[in-house]
Amino acid sequence: MLYSPVPDWMLGTRVDWLIETKQKGVSAHNDDGWRISQLVRWNVIQNAWIGVEYRHEEGGAGSPVTSNQSTDKGRLLRTIAF
């Protein structure tokens, strides 16, 4: 979901539900996880922007797609489109 309070600023949130895929013949219990990302970006000019993203991930104990502990990560993004 994206929201633009003013023309030069953009706020966004994304929620991913990470589901374990079982392989045929392999016995594993179903344990899923969640990943939530939030983004704030500033459009410097029409084709260039700078953004900051925060990501929180939380998974189950037996899930191969996530760790059993929650993790928090952040990153700085800069993009120029041609």
N, C-alpha and C. Protein backbone atom coordinates (compact mmCIF):
# COMPACT_ATOMS: atom_id res chain seq x y z
N MET A 1 0.85 -1.16 0.00
CA MET A 1 0.00 0.00 0.00
C MET A 1 0.90 1.24 0.00
N LEU A 2 0.68 2.13 -0.93
CA LEU A 2 1.44 3.37 -1.01
C LEU A 2 0.53 4.55 -0.74
N TYR A 3 1.11 5.56 -0.11
CA TYR A 3 0.37 6.77 0.22
C TYR A 3 1.28 7.96 -0.03
N SER A 4 0.78 8.98 -0.68
CA SER A 4 1.55 10.18 -0.96
C SER A 4 0.88 11.39 -0.31
N PRO A 5 1.36 11.80 0.89
CA PRO A 5 0.74 12.94 1.57
C PRO A 5 0.95 14.26 0.83
N VAL A 6 2.11 14.40 0.20
CA VAL A 6 2.42 15.56 -0.65
C VAL A 6 3.13 15.02 -1.89
N PRO A 7 3.19 15.77 -2.98
CA PRO A 7 3.74 15.24 -4.23
C PRO A 7 5.18 14.70 -4.15
N ASP A 8 6.02 15.25 -3.31
CA ASP A 8 7.43 14.84 -3.26
C ASP A 8 7.72 13.70 -2.28
N TRP A 9 6.78 13.30 -1.47
CA TRP A 9 7.00 12.27 -0.45
C TRP A 9 6.08 11.08 -0.69
N MET A 10 6.59 9.87 -0.42
CA MET A 10 5.82 8.64 -0.58
C MET A 10 6.05 7.77 0.65
N LEU A 11 4.96 7.23 1.20
CA LEU A 11 5.00 6.31 2.33
C LEU A 11 4.43 4.97 1.87
N GLY A 12 5.06 3.88 2.27
CA GLY A 12 4.58 2.58 1.83
C GLY A 12 4.75 1.52 2.89
N THR A 13 3.86 0.53 2.86
CA THR A 13 3.91 -0.61 3.77
C THR A 13 3.62 -1.87 2.97
N ARG A 14 4.37 -2.91 3.26
CA ARG A 14 4.19 -4.20 2.59
C ARG A 14 4.23 -5.30 3.63
N VAL A 15 3.29 -6.24 3.54
CA VAL A 15 3.23 -7.38 4.45
C VAL A 15 3.31 -8.64 3.62
N ASP A 16 4.30 -9.50 3.92
CA ASP A 16 4.47 -10.79 3.23
C ASP A 16 4.21 -11.92 4.21
N TRP A 17 3.45 -12.88 3.77
CA TRP A 17 3.21 -14.09 4.56
C TRP A 17 4.06 -15.18 3.93
N LEU A 18 5.09 -15.64 4.62
CA LEU A 18 6.04 -16.61 4.10
C LEU A 18 5.57 -18.01 4.48
N ILE A 19 5.22 -18.81 3.48
CA ILE A 19 4.67 -20.13 3.72
C ILE A 19 5.71 -21.19 3.39
N GLU A 20 5.81 -22.17 4.25
CA GLU A 20 6.73 -23.28 4.03
C GLU A 20 6.17 -24.18 2.92
N THR A 21 7.04 -24.58 2.01
CA THR A 21 6.65 -25.50 0.94
C THR A 21 7.18 -26.89 1.30
N LYS A 22 6.28 -27.84 1.40
CA LYS A 22 6.67 -29.20 1.74
C LYS A 22 7.07 -29.96 0.48
N GLN A 23 8.16 -30.71 0.60
CA GLN A 23 8.60 -31.54 -0.51
C GLN A 23 7.92 -32.91 -0.41
N LYS A 24 7.72 -33.52 -1.54
CA LYS A 24 7.05 -34.81 -1.57
C LYS A 24 7.90 -35.86 -0.85
N GLY A 25 7.28 -36.56 0.07
CA GLY A 25 7.98 -37.61 0.80
C GLY A 25 8.76 -37.14 2.01
N VAL A 26 8.83 -35.82 2.24
CA VAL A 26 9.56 -35.29 3.38
C VAL A 26 8.56 -34.91 4.46
N SER A 27 8.78 -35.41 5.65
CA SER A 27 7.87 -35.13 6.75
C SER A 27 8.34 -33.87 7.48
N ALA A 28 7.52 -32.83 7.44
CA ALA A 28 7.83 -31.58 8.15
C ALA A 28 6.52 -30.95 8.58
N HIS A 29 6.54 -30.29 9.73
CA HIS A 29 5.32 -29.62 10.17
C HIS A 29 5.22 -28.26 9.49
N ASN A 30 4.02 -27.78 9.33
CA ASN A 30 3.77 -26.50 8.65
C ASN A 30 4.01 -25.36 9.63
N ASP A 31 4.98 -24.53 9.32
CA ASP A 31 5.31 -23.39 10.17
C ASP A 31 5.64 -22.21 9.26
N ASP A 32 4.90 -21.14 9.37
CA ASP A 32 5.10 -20.01 8.48
C ASP A 32 5.67 -18.81 9.21
N GLY A 33 5.93 -17.75 8.47
CA GLY A 33 6.49 -16.54 9.05
C GLY A 33 5.91 -15.30 8.39
N TRP A 34 6.29 -14.15 8.93
CA TRP A 34 5.80 -12.86 8.45
C TRP A 34 6.98 -11.93 8.19
N ARG A 35 6.85 -11.09 7.18
CA ARG A 35 7.83 -10.04 6.91
C ARG A 35 7.05 -8.76 6.65
N ILE A 36 7.37 -7.71 7.39
CA ILE A 36 6.71 -6.42 7.24
C ILE A 36 7.76 -5.38 6.88
N SER A 37 7.55 -4.66 5.78
CA SER A 37 8.47 -3.62 5.34
C SER A 37 7.75 -2.28 5.31
N GLN A 38 8.45 -1.24 5.73
CA GLN A 38 7.92 0.12 5.68
C GLN A 38 8.95 1.00 4.99
N LEU A 39 8.47 1.84 4.08
CA LEU A 39 9.34 2.66 3.25
C LEU A 39 8.91 4.12 3.30
N VAL A 40 9.88 5.01 3.40
CA VAL A 40 9.65 6.45 3.26
C VAL A 40 10.60 6.90 2.16
N ARG A 41 10.07 7.57 1.15
CA ARG A 41 10.95 8.03 0.08
C ARG A 41 10.64 9.47 -0.31
N TRP A 42 11.68 10.14 -0.75
CA TRP A 42 11.60 11.54 -1.16
C TRP A 42 12.01 11.64 -2.61
N ASN A 43 11.13 12.18 -3.44
CA ASN A 43 11.43 12.37 -4.86
C ASN A 43 12.23 13.66 -5.02
N VAL A 44 13.54 13.52 -5.21
CA VAL A 44 14.42 14.68 -5.33
C VAL A 44 14.07 15.46 -6.60
N ILE A 45 14.03 14.75 -7.73
CA ILE A 45 13.54 15.29 -8.99
C ILE A 45 12.64 14.21 -9.58
N GLN A 46 12.11 14.44 -10.76
CA GLN A 46 11.11 13.52 -11.32
C GLN A 46 11.61 12.09 -11.47
N ASN A 47 12.87 11.88 -11.82
CA ASN A 47 13.36 10.53 -12.06
C ASN A 47 14.42 10.06 -11.05
N ALA A 48 14.55 10.73 -9.92
CA ALA A 48 15.51 10.34 -8.90
C ALA A 48 14.88 10.46 -7.51
N TRP A 49 15.11 9.44 -6.68
CA TRP A 49 14.57 9.48 -5.33
C TRP A 49 15.51 8.82 -4.33
N ILE A 50 15.34 9.21 -3.08
CA ILE A 50 16.09 8.65 -1.94
C ILE A 50 15.07 8.09 -0.97
N GLY A 51 15.37 6.92 -0.44
CA GLY A 51 14.41 6.29 0.47
C GLY A 51 15.09 5.58 1.63
N VAL A 52 14.32 5.34 2.67
CA VAL A 52 14.75 4.58 3.84
C VAL A 52 13.72 3.48 4.06
N GLU A 53 14.20 2.25 4.24
CA GLU A 53 13.31 1.12 4.46
C GLU A 53 13.65 0.42 5.77
N TYR A 54 12.62 0.04 6.50
CA TYR A 54 12.75 -0.74 7.73
C TYR A 54 12.01 -2.05 7.52
N ARG A 55 12.66 -3.18 7.85
CA ARG A 55 12.04 -4.49 7.66
C ARG A 55 12.11 -5.30 8.94
N HIS A 56 10.95 -5.84 9.33
CA HIS A 56 10.84 -6.71 10.51
C HIS A 56 10.39 -8.08 10.02
N GLU A 57 11.12 -9.12 10.43
CA GLU A 57 10.79 -10.49 10.02
C GLU A 57 10.64 -11.36 11.26
N GLU A 58 9.59 -12.15 11.26
CA GLU A 58 9.31 -13.03 12.39
C GLU A 58 8.85 -14.37 11.85
N GLY A 59 9.53 -15.43 12.29
CA GLY A 59 9.20 -16.75 11.76
C GLY A 59 9.01 -17.78 12.83
N GLY A 60 8.58 -18.94 12.40
CA GLY A 60 8.36 -20.05 13.32
C GLY A 60 9.63 -20.86 13.56
N ALA A 61 9.59 -21.70 14.54
CA ALA A 61 10.77 -22.48 14.95
C ALA A 61 11.23 -23.47 13.89
N GLY A 62 10.32 -24.05 13.13
CA GLY A 62 10.70 -25.05 12.14
C GLY A 62 10.64 -24.57 10.71
N SER A 63 10.52 -23.29 10.49
CA SER A 63 10.35 -22.78 9.14
C SER A 63 11.68 -22.66 8.41
N PRO A 64 11.80 -23.18 7.18
CA PRO A 64 13.05 -23.04 6.43
C PRO A 64 13.19 -21.68 5.77
N VAL A 65 12.11 -20.90 5.69
CA VAL A 65 12.18 -19.61 5.01
C VAL A 65 12.47 -18.46 5.96
N THR A 66 12.34 -18.66 7.25
CA THR A 66 12.63 -17.62 8.24
C THR A 66 13.38 -18.23 9.41
N SER A 67 14.03 -17.40 10.16
CA SER A 67 14.68 -17.89 11.38
C SER A 67 13.66 -17.97 12.50
N ASN A 68 14.00 -18.68 13.57
CA ASN A 68 13.03 -18.80 14.67
C ASN A 68 13.04 -17.58 15.57
N GLN A 69 13.91 -16.62 15.31
CA GLN A 69 13.94 -15.38 16.07
C GLN A 69 13.52 -14.24 15.16
N SER A 70 13.03 -13.18 15.75
CA SER A 70 12.67 -12.03 14.93
C SER A 70 13.92 -11.24 14.57
N THR A 71 13.92 -10.65 13.39
CA THR A 71 15.05 -9.85 12.93
C THR A 71 14.54 -8.48 12.48
N ASP A 72 15.38 -7.48 12.67
CA ASP A 72 15.09 -6.11 12.24
C ASP A 72 16.24 -5.64 11.36
N LYS A 73 15.91 -5.10 10.20
CA LYS A 73 16.92 -4.63 9.26
C LYS A 73 16.49 -3.28 8.70
N GLY A 74 17.44 -2.51 8.26
CA GLY A 74 17.16 -1.24 7.63
C GLY A 74 18.11 -1.02 6.47
N ARG A 75 17.70 -0.19 5.53
CA ARG A 75 18.59 0.14 4.42
C ARG A 75 18.24 1.49 3.83
N LEU A 76 19.23 2.09 3.22
CA LEU A 76 19.08 3.37 2.55
C LEU A 76 19.07 3.09 1.05
N LEU A 77 18.09 3.63 0.34
CA LEU A 77 17.95 3.40 -1.10
C LEU A 77 18.12 4.71 -1.86
N ARG A 78 18.77 4.62 -2.99
CA ARG A 78 18.86 5.77 -3.89
C ARG A 78 18.69 5.24 -5.32
N THR A 79 17.85 5.89 -6.07
CA THR A 79 17.50 5.41 -7.40
C THR A 79 17.47 6.56 -8.39
N ILE A 80 18.04 6.30 -9.57
CA ILE A 80 17.95 7.23 -10.69
C ILE A 80 17.42 6.42 -11.87
N ALA A 81 16.30 6.80 -12.41
CA ALA A 81 15.69 6.11 -13.54
C ALA A 81 15.96 6.87 -14.83
N PHE A 82 16.28 6.15 -15.87
CA PHE A 82 16.54 6.77 -17.17
C PHE A 82 15.44 6.50 -18.14
